Amino acid sequence: MKVTDVKCFSVDCFRTNWVFVKVYTDEGIDGVGEATLEYKEKALWGAVEHIKEYLVGKNPLDIEKHWHAIYRDAYWRGGPVLMSALSAVEMALWDILGKSLNVPVYQLLGGKVNDKVRIYVNGWFAGAKEPEEFGAKAKEAVKRGVTAMKWDPFGKNYLNISNAELDKALRNVAAVREAVGDKVDLLIEGHGRFNIPTGIKIAKELEQFKPMFFEEPVPPDNLDALKAVRDKSPVAISAGERLYTRWDYKRMFDLMAADYIQPDISHAGGIMELKKIAAEAECRYIPFAPHNPSGPVANAATLHLAATCPNFEILEIMYSDVEWRKDVTNESLEYKDGYMTIPDKPGLGIEINEKECLKHPYQVHTLRHYTGALTDIRPAKSEFYF
């Protein structure tokens, strides 16, 4: 079997663009991965083109060999663009291998530890601005069976937050906690916003609401700063969505800088790289909670991975999405009582519809985190993801 082509499909999804990568072979067995980068997609397309130059003509089943060759030969190693391109291609190669053997990818990783995985929802708050609006939307989510939810209540603040703005953020969290009761887990997103003293201050204020964790309290560039917050935080700290490969994670593990790790399958190196990172976390008794707010292909790949990890804790998914999500892939999910069932189809168990993807081409989208428009992540007409 030989690789004959590698193509990118960028699909507008309102807040960003999904980027699907498809690898074609001379035996008609194709594989799909996802490299959704949360903006800067044009740089990503170029990185995939460079990988294509290497991969065409080679055996797609030599996954580990190709991963190391592509990573090594980049010279400027790591980073979101190169690693997202590599991650998507690696996913697609696993998809091809599973299809060629007629088994699901999780079987190739050692089989299932988990038949189903617990999930928490992101995006349930779309359009909310005031604390009472967040509370109302949270109550509706719980009616649909949600048992854990995450959001960023900190507006457009960066590094510091005034007492008045912090008070509003805390009223926001209080409104959600009151709306959902004590049986629902709350996960508070920081988006790497704050400096060390502000991160510590917020963590102490959040303790009263019993959050599952406080995510990315400081920017991702300095793990010593993350460690400084964790050492003084009364609540668990999570991080890692902006770390790439086991080598980035080595320093996090050496520092014990986070209580939960959150590598992203589309950015940190793909399926096997996350399996290795999860194994390193396992021997340190750190729960594995993958970052997963992207598209349907990334979600499918992450489900296969989560099925095989003994230290898997909880998986992020989007609560709702653009109405054409159901058209661009054949995604089929089974959700019940806060858990998602692991699919059993060969490979990753998902296919993209190329023609439908082309109906929703790339659109310019920019980061909303520091503009005050963070909750504007869905169009007025959107559909539930599960």
Protein backbone atom coordinates (compact mmCIF):
# COMPACT_ATOMS: atom_id res chain seq x y z
CA MET A 1 0.00 0.00 0.00
CA LYS A 2 1.27 3.48 -0.91
CA VAL A 3 0.13 7.01 -0.14
CA THR A 4 -1.03 8.79 -3.30
CA ASP A 5 -2.25 12.16 -2.00
CA VAL A 6 -2.86 14.30 1.08
CA LYS A 7 -5.56 17.01 1.06
CA CYS A 8 -6.85 19.65 3.47
CA PHE A 9 -10.51 20.56 3.82
CA SER A 10 -11.22 23.76 5.74
CA VAL A 11 -14.80 24.08 6.93
CA ASP A 12 -16.20 27.27 8.41
CA CYS A 13 -17.79 26.55 11.80
CA PHE A 14 -18.60 30.10 12.91
CA ARG A 15 -16.08 30.57 15.73
CA THR A 16 -13.17 29.14 13.74
CA ASN A 17 -12.56 26.76 10.81
CA TRP A 18 -12.32 23.01 11.17
CA VAL A 19 -9.36 21.64 9.22
CA PHE A 20 -9.73 18.01 8.15
CA VAL A 21 -6.79 16.22 6.56
CA LYS A 22 -7.39 13.24 4.29
CA VAL A 23 -4.71 10.74 3.24
CA TYR A 24 -5.41 8.69 0.11
CA THR A 25 -3.82 5.36 -0.89
CA ASP A 26 -3.46 3.28 -4.04
CA GLU A 27 -5.66 0.55 -2.52
CA GLY A 28 -8.66 2.82 -2.08
CA ILE A 29 -8.38 2.87 1.71
CA ASP A 30 -8.36 6.49 2.83
CA GLY A 31 -7.85 7.94 6.28
CA VAL A 32 -8.97 11.17 7.89
CA GLY A 33 -7.53 13.30 10.69
CA GLU A 34 -8.19 16.75 12.11
CA ALA A 35 -5.79 19.66 12.55
CA THR A 36 -8.21 22.41 13.63
CA LEU A 37 -5.84 25.07 14.91
CA GLU A 38 -8.16 27.70 16.38
CA TYR A 39 -7.13 30.33 13.80
CA LYS A 40 -3.99 30.76 11.62
CA GLU A 41 -5.27 28.04 9.28
CA LYS A 42 -3.31 29.30 6.27
CA ALA A 43 -0.04 28.49 8.01
CA LEU A 44 -1.39 25.03 8.78
CA TRP A 45 -2.25 24.31 5.15
CA GLY A 46 1.35 25.00 4.19
CA ALA A 47 2.66 22.67 6.87
CA VAL A 48 0.42 19.87 5.57
CA GLU A 49 1.76 20.47 2.05
CA HIS A 50 5.30 19.94 3.34
CA ILE A 51 4.28 16.65 4.97
CA LYS A 52 2.64 15.59 1.71
CA GLU A 53 5.99 16.02 -0.08
CA TYR A 54 7.50 13.49 2.32
CA LEU A 55 4.59 11.05 2.60
CA VAL A 56 3.43 10.43 -0.98
CA GLY A 57 4.76 7.12 -2.24
CA LYS A 58 5.39 5.69 1.23
CA ASN A 59 3.65 2.87 3.10
CA PRO A 60 0.99 4.50 5.35
CA LEU A 61 1.15 1.64 7.85
CA ASP A 62 4.63 2.61 9.09
CA ILE A 63 3.11 5.16 11.45
CA GLU A 64 5.84 5.42 14.07
CA LYS A 65 8.56 5.67 11.42
CA HIS A 66 6.78 8.49 9.59
CA TRP A 67 6.01 10.40 12.80
CA HIS A 68 9.65 10.47 13.81
CA ALA A 69 10.89 11.34 10.33
CA ILE A 70 8.43 14.23 9.95
CA TYR A 71 9.15 15.52 13.48
CA ARG A 72 12.94 15.19 13.10
CA ASP A 73 13.18 16.69 9.64
CA ALA A 74 11.19 19.80 10.52
CA TYR A 75 14.39 21.07 12.25
CA TRP A 76 12.37 23.80 14.00
CA ARG A 77 10.63 21.26 16.17
CA GLY A 78 7.32 21.50 17.94
CA GLY A 79 4.88 24.39 18.04
CA PRO A 80 1.20 24.52 17.15
CA VAL A 81 1.44 24.73 13.35
CA LEU A 82 3.89 21.91 12.63
CA MET A 83 2.53 19.67 15.37
CA SER A 84 -1.11 20.16 14.33
CA ALA A 85 -0.26 19.18 10.76
CA LEU A 86 1.63 16.12 11.99
CA SER A 87 -1.15 15.24 14.45
CA ALA A 88 -3.81 15.17 11.73
CA VAL A 89 -1.71 13.07 9.36
CA GLU A 90 -0.89 10.64 12.16
CA MET A 91 -4.60 10.26 12.97
CA ALA A 92 -5.33 9.56 9.31
CA LEU A 93 -2.64 6.86 9.20
CA TRP A 94 -4.17 5.11 12.21
CA ASP A 95 -7.54 5.33 10.47
CA ILE A 96 -6.06 3.64 7.41
CA LEU A 97 -4.44 0.92 9.53
CA GLY A 98 -7.68 0.18 11.37
CA LYS A 99 -9.68 0.02 8.14
CA SER A 100 -7.10 -2.24 6.50
CA LEU A 101 -7.40 -4.71 9.40
CA ASN A 102 -11.17 -4.14 9.84
CA VAL A 103 -10.80 -3.22 13.52
CA PRO A 104 -11.40 -0.01 15.49
CA VAL A 105 -8.32 2.03 16.35
CA TYR A 106 -8.73 1.43 20.08
CA GLN A 107 -8.11 -2.28 19.45
CA LEU A 108 -4.74 -1.42 17.90
CA LEU A 109 -3.84 0.53 21.05
CA GLY A 110 -4.36 -2.46 23.34
CA GLY A 111 -8.12 -2.63 23.59
CA LYS A 112 -10.68 -0.89 25.75
CA VAL A 113 -10.22 -0.06 29.41
CA ASN A 114 -13.38 2.01 29.20
CA ASP A 115 -16.55 1.13 27.26
CA LYS A 116 -17.81 4.66 27.81
CA VAL A 117 -16.25 7.91 28.96
CA ARG A 118 -17.53 10.75 31.07
CA ILE A 119 -17.84 14.08 29.29
CA TYR A 120 -18.14 17.73 30.20
CA VAL A 121 -19.67 20.27 27.88
CA ASN A 122 -18.26 23.50 26.49
CA GLY A 123 -20.28 26.08 24.58
CA TRP A 124 -23.49 25.57 26.60
CA PHE A 125 -23.34 29.29 27.51
CA ALA A 126 -23.52 30.63 23.93
CA GLY A 127 -24.84 34.19 23.89
CA ALA A 128 -25.01 34.64 27.67
CA LYS A 129 -23.68 37.93 29.07
CA GLU A 130 -25.01 38.39 32.59
CA PRO A 131 -24.82 35.95 35.54
CA GLU A 132 -28.54 35.18 35.47
CA GLU A 133 -28.31 34.31 31.76
CA PHE A 134 -25.51 31.85 32.47
CA GLY A 135 -27.61 30.34 35.24
CA ALA A 136 -30.61 29.88 32.97
CA LYS A 137 -28.55 28.24 30.22
CA ALA A 138 -26.85 25.97 32.75
CA LYS A 139 -30.23 24.80 34.03
CA GLU A 140 -31.31 23.94 30.48
CA ALA A 141 -28.12 21.95 29.92
CA VAL A 142 -28.73 19.89 33.04
CA LYS A 143 -32.23 19.08 31.79
CA ARG A 144 -30.55 17.50 28.76
CA GLY A 145 -28.47 15.20 30.97
CA VAL A 146 -25.31 17.24 31.38
CA THR A 147 -23.36 16.38 34.54
CA ALA A 148 -20.29 18.61 34.09
CA MET A 149 -19.80 21.96 32.35
CA LYS A 150 -16.96 24.38 31.67
CA TRP A 151 -16.84 28.08 30.87
CA ASP A 152 -14.73 31.23 31.22
CA PRO A 153 -16.50 33.84 33.40
CA PHE A 154 -13.69 36.43 33.23
CA GLY A 155 -14.80 38.64 30.33
CA LYS A 156 -11.93 40.28 28.44
CA ASN A 157 -9.46 40.57 31.32
CA TYR A 158 -5.78 39.83 30.83
CA LEU A 159 -3.10 39.46 33.54
CA ASN A 160 -5.11 41.47 36.11
CA ILE A 161 -8.76 41.80 37.09
CA SER A 162 -10.39 44.58 39.07
CA ASN A 163 -12.37 43.86 42.21
CA ALA A 164 -15.57 44.88 40.45
CA GLU A 165 -14.89 42.56 37.48
CA LEU A 166 -13.88 39.72 39.78
CA ASP A 167 -17.09 40.21 41.75
CA LYS A 168 -19.11 39.88 38.53
CA ALA A 169 -17.20 36.73 37.57
CA LEU A 170 -17.88 35.21 40.98
CA ARG A 171 -21.57 36.11 40.76
CA ASN A 172 -21.55 34.34 37.41
CA VAL A 173 -20.12 31.17 38.97
CA ALA A 174 -22.52 31.46 41.91
CA ALA A 175 -25.50 31.73 39.55
CA VAL A 176 -24.45 28.57 37.72
CA ARG A 177 -23.80 26.65 40.93
CA GLU A 178 -27.20 27.67 42.29
CA ALA A 179 -28.90 26.70 39.02
CA VAL A 180 -27.37 23.22 38.76
CA GLY A 181 -26.97 22.20 42.40
CA ASP A 182 -24.13 20.28 44.00
CA LYS A 183 -24.32 17.11 41.86
CA VAL A 184 -23.05 18.80 38.68
CA ASP A 185 -19.31 19.42 38.30
CA LEU A 186 -18.21 22.93 37.39
CA LEU A 187 -14.93 23.48 35.55
CA ILE A 188 -13.66 27.06 35.42
CA GLU A 189 -11.67 28.14 32.35
CA GLY A 190 -8.91 30.74 32.65
CA HIS A 191 -7.67 30.69 29.02
CA GLY A 192 -4.18 31.53 30.25
CA ARG A 193 -5.30 35.00 31.29
CA PHE A 194 -3.69 35.95 34.59
CA ASN A 195 -0.41 36.67 36.31
CA ILE A 196 0.67 34.66 39.34
CA PRO A 197 -0.88 36.73 42.20
CA THR A 198 -4.14 37.21 40.30
CA GLY A 199 -4.34 33.50 39.49
CA ILE A 200 -3.83 32.62 43.14
CA LYS A 201 -6.40 35.20 44.27
CA ILE A 202 -9.02 33.84 41.87
CA ALA A 203 -8.30 30.22 42.82
CA LYS A 204 -8.91 31.04 46.47
CA GLU A 205 -12.19 32.78 45.64
CA LEU A 206 -13.34 29.82 43.53
CA GLU A 207 -12.91 27.32 46.39
CA GLN A 208 -16.37 28.11 47.80
CA PHE A 209 -17.99 26.76 44.62
CA LYS A 210 -16.17 23.40 44.73
CA PRO A 211 -15.01 23.35 41.10
CA MET A 212 -13.56 20.20 39.61
CA PHE A 213 -10.62 22.30 38.41
CA PHE A 214 -9.44 25.77 37.44
CA GLU A 215 -7.99 25.55 33.93
CA GLU A 216 -4.97 27.50 32.59
CA PRO A 217 -4.83 30.23 35.25
CA VAL A 218 -1.62 31.69 33.73
CA PRO A 219 -0.28 32.01 30.16
CA PRO A 220 1.20 28.75 28.83
CA ASP A 221 4.71 30.06 28.20
CA ASN A 222 6.08 29.59 31.73
CA LEU A 223 5.45 26.35 33.62
CA ASP A 224 7.16 27.73 36.73
CA ALA A 225 4.37 30.31 36.91
CA LEU A 226 1.78 27.53 36.64
CA LYS A 227 3.56 25.66 39.40
CA ALA A 228 3.55 28.80 41.57
CA VAL A 229 -0.25 29.08 41.25
CA ARG A 230 -0.80 25.37 41.82
CA ASP A 231 1.30 25.43 45.01
CA LYS A 232 -0.97 28.03 46.59
CA SER A 233 -4.30 27.07 45.02
CA PRO A 234 -6.95 25.41 47.20
CA VAL A 235 -8.59 23.97 44.07
CA ALA A 236 -7.20 21.58 41.47
CA ILE A 237 -5.34 23.14 38.54
CA SER A 238 -5.51 21.81 34.97
CA ALA A 239 -3.40 22.76 31.96
CA GLY A 240 -1.62 21.50 28.88
CA GLU A 241 -3.71 22.24 25.79
CA ARG A 242 -0.88 24.46 24.51
CA LEU A 243 1.93 21.99 25.12
CA TYR A 244 3.21 19.89 22.24
CA THR A 245 4.74 16.39 22.46
CA ARG A 246 6.03 14.37 25.38
CA TRP A 247 9.08 16.65 25.57
CA ASP A 248 7.00 19.69 26.52
CA TYR A 249 5.13 17.53 28.99
CA LYS A 250 8.34 16.24 30.58
CA ARG A 251 8.95 19.61 32.20
CA MET A 252 5.35 19.84 33.40
CA PHE A 253 5.69 16.39 34.95
CA ASP A 254 9.08 17.18 36.49
CA LEU A 255 7.55 20.25 38.13
CA MET A 256 4.25 18.54 39.00
CA ALA A 257 2.75 21.84 37.81
CA ALA A 258 -0.82 20.64 37.24
CA ASP A 259 -3.33 18.30 38.87
CA TYR A 260 -5.02 17.37 35.56
CA ILE A 261 -3.34 17.28 32.14
CA GLN A 262 -5.15 18.36 28.97
CA PRO A 263 -3.19 17.56 25.80
CA ASP A 264 -5.08 18.03 22.54
CA ILE A 265 -5.03 15.19 20.01
CA SER A 266 -5.01 17.70 17.12
CA HIS A 267 -2.00 19.63 18.41
CA ALA A 268 0.23 17.57 20.70
CA GLY A 269 1.23 14.90 18.18
CA GLY A 270 -1.78 12.72 17.50
CA ILE A 271 -3.08 9.47 18.91
CA MET A 272 0.10 7.64 19.92
CA GLU A 273 1.79 10.76 21.26
CA LEU A 274 -1.16 11.37 23.59
CA LYS A 275 -1.09 7.70 24.59
CA LYS A 276 2.54 8.15 25.63
CA ILE A 277 1.82 11.40 27.49
CA ALA A 278 -1.11 9.75 29.29
CA ALA A 279 1.16 6.84 30.32
CA GLU A 280 3.69 9.25 31.83
CA ALA A 281 0.87 10.93 33.72
CA GLU A 282 -0.42 7.56 34.88
CA CYS A 283 2.78 6.71 36.73
CA ARG A 284 2.52 10.06 38.53
CA TYR A 285 -1.17 9.51 39.39
CA ILE A 286 -2.23 12.54 37.35
CA PRO A 287 -5.69 12.28 35.71
CA PHE A 288 -5.90 12.54 31.92
CA ALA A 289 -8.59 14.97 30.70
CA PRO A 290 -8.00 15.69 26.99
CA HIS A 291 -8.72 19.10 25.50
CA ASN A 292 -11.34 18.51 22.80
CA PRO A 293 -13.41 21.53 21.70
CA SER A 294 -12.80 21.02 18.00
CA GLY A 295 -14.60 19.10 15.26
CA PRO A 296 -16.09 15.64 14.74
CA VAL A 297 -12.92 13.90 13.54
CA ALA A 298 -10.85 15.04 16.52
CA ASN A 299 -13.66 13.91 18.79
CA ALA A 300 -13.75 10.45 17.18
CA ALA A 301 -9.99 10.04 17.55
CA THR A 302 -10.03 11.22 21.16
CA LEU A 303 -12.79 8.75 22.05
CA HIS A 304 -10.65 5.86 20.76
CA LEU A 305 -7.72 7.12 22.80
CA ALA A 306 -9.76 7.68 25.96
CA ALA A 307 -11.05 4.13 25.72
CA THR A 308 -7.53 2.77 26.21
CA CYS A 309 -6.16 4.93 29.05
CA PRO A 310 -6.53 3.70 32.65
CA ASN A 311 -6.05 7.23 34.02
CA PHE A 312 -8.66 8.81 31.75
CA GLU A 313 -10.87 11.11 33.81
CA ILE A 314 -13.20 13.24 31.69
CA LEU A 315 -13.48 14.43 28.07
CA GLU A 316 -14.45 17.85 26.76
CA ILE A 317 -17.06 18.11 24.01
CA MET A 318 -19.04 20.96 22.48
CA TYR A 319 -22.65 21.28 23.62
CA SER A 320 -24.00 22.51 20.28
CA ASP A 321 -22.63 23.34 16.87
CA VAL A 322 -23.34 24.72 13.41
CA GLU A 323 -26.25 23.01 11.71
CA TRP A 324 -24.06 21.61 8.91
CA ARG A 325 -21.92 19.54 11.31
CA LYS A 326 -24.25 16.62 10.57
CA ASP A 327 -23.62 17.04 6.82
CA VAL A 328 -19.83 17.25 6.64
CA THR A 329 -19.27 13.87 8.35
CA ASN A 330 -21.24 10.73 9.19
CA GLU A 331 -20.67 11.28 12.91
CA SER A 332 -22.97 9.23 15.13
CA LEU A 333 -22.68 9.58 18.90
CA GLU A 334 -24.38 7.76 21.75
CA TYR A 335 -24.72 9.88 24.88
CA LYS A 336 -26.47 8.90 28.12
CA ASP A 337 -26.32 10.03 31.75
CA GLY A 338 -23.19 12.12 31.29
CA TYR A 339 -21.24 9.45 29.37
CA MET A 340 -20.41 8.87 25.72
CA THR A 341 -20.10 5.33 24.34
CA ILE A 342 -16.94 4.33 22.47
CA PRO A 343 -17.77 3.59 18.80
CA ASP A 344 -16.89 0.17 17.34
CA LYS A 345 -16.56 0.83 13.60
CA PRO A 346 -13.24 0.05 11.85
CA GLY A 347 -10.58 2.74 11.95
CA LEU A 348 -11.75 5.94 13.60
CA GLY A 349 -15.30 5.14 12.52
CA ILE A 350 -15.92 8.47 10.82
CA GLU A 351 -15.79 9.76 7.23
CA ILE A 352 -15.88 13.27 5.84
CA ASN A 353 -18.16 14.25 2.97
CA GLU A 354 -15.84 16.17 0.67
CA LYS A 355 -18.61 17.82 -1.35
CA GLU A 356 -20.39 19.05 1.78
CA CYS A 357 -17.11 20.34 3.22
CA LEU A 358 -16.56 22.42 0.10
CA LYS A 359 -19.96 24.11 0.60
CA HIS A 360 -18.63 25.83 3.75
CA PRO A 361 -15.21 27.19 2.78
CA TYR A 362 -12.70 29.00 4.93
CA GLN A 363 -13.83 32.24 6.54
CA VAL A 364 -11.72 34.73 8.47
CA HIS A 365 -12.28 34.38 12.22
CA THR A 366 -10.26 35.99 15.00
CA LEU A 367 -9.65 35.31 18.67
CA ARG A 368 -12.49 36.46 20.94
CA HIS A 369 -10.90 35.84 24.32
CA TYR A 370 -9.88 39.44 25.05
CA THR A 371 -12.60 41.35 23.19
CA GLY A 372 -15.58 40.72 25.45
CA ALA A 373 -17.24 38.55 22.79
CA LEU A 374 -16.13 35.19 24.16
CA THR A 375 -19.64 33.77 24.42
CA ASP A 376 -20.47 34.56 20.79
CA ILE A 377 -19.32 31.15 19.60
CA ARG A 378 -22.46 29.89 17.89
CA PRO A 379 -24.78 31.23 15.18
CA ALA A 380 -28.34 32.05 16.16
CA LYS A 381 -29.40 28.79 14.55
CA SER A 382 -27.35 25.89 15.90
CA GLU A 383 -27.96 22.26 16.74
CA PHE A 384 -27.17 20.11 19.74
CA TYR A 385 -24.02 18.09 19.33
CA PHE A 386 -25.30 15.01 21.15
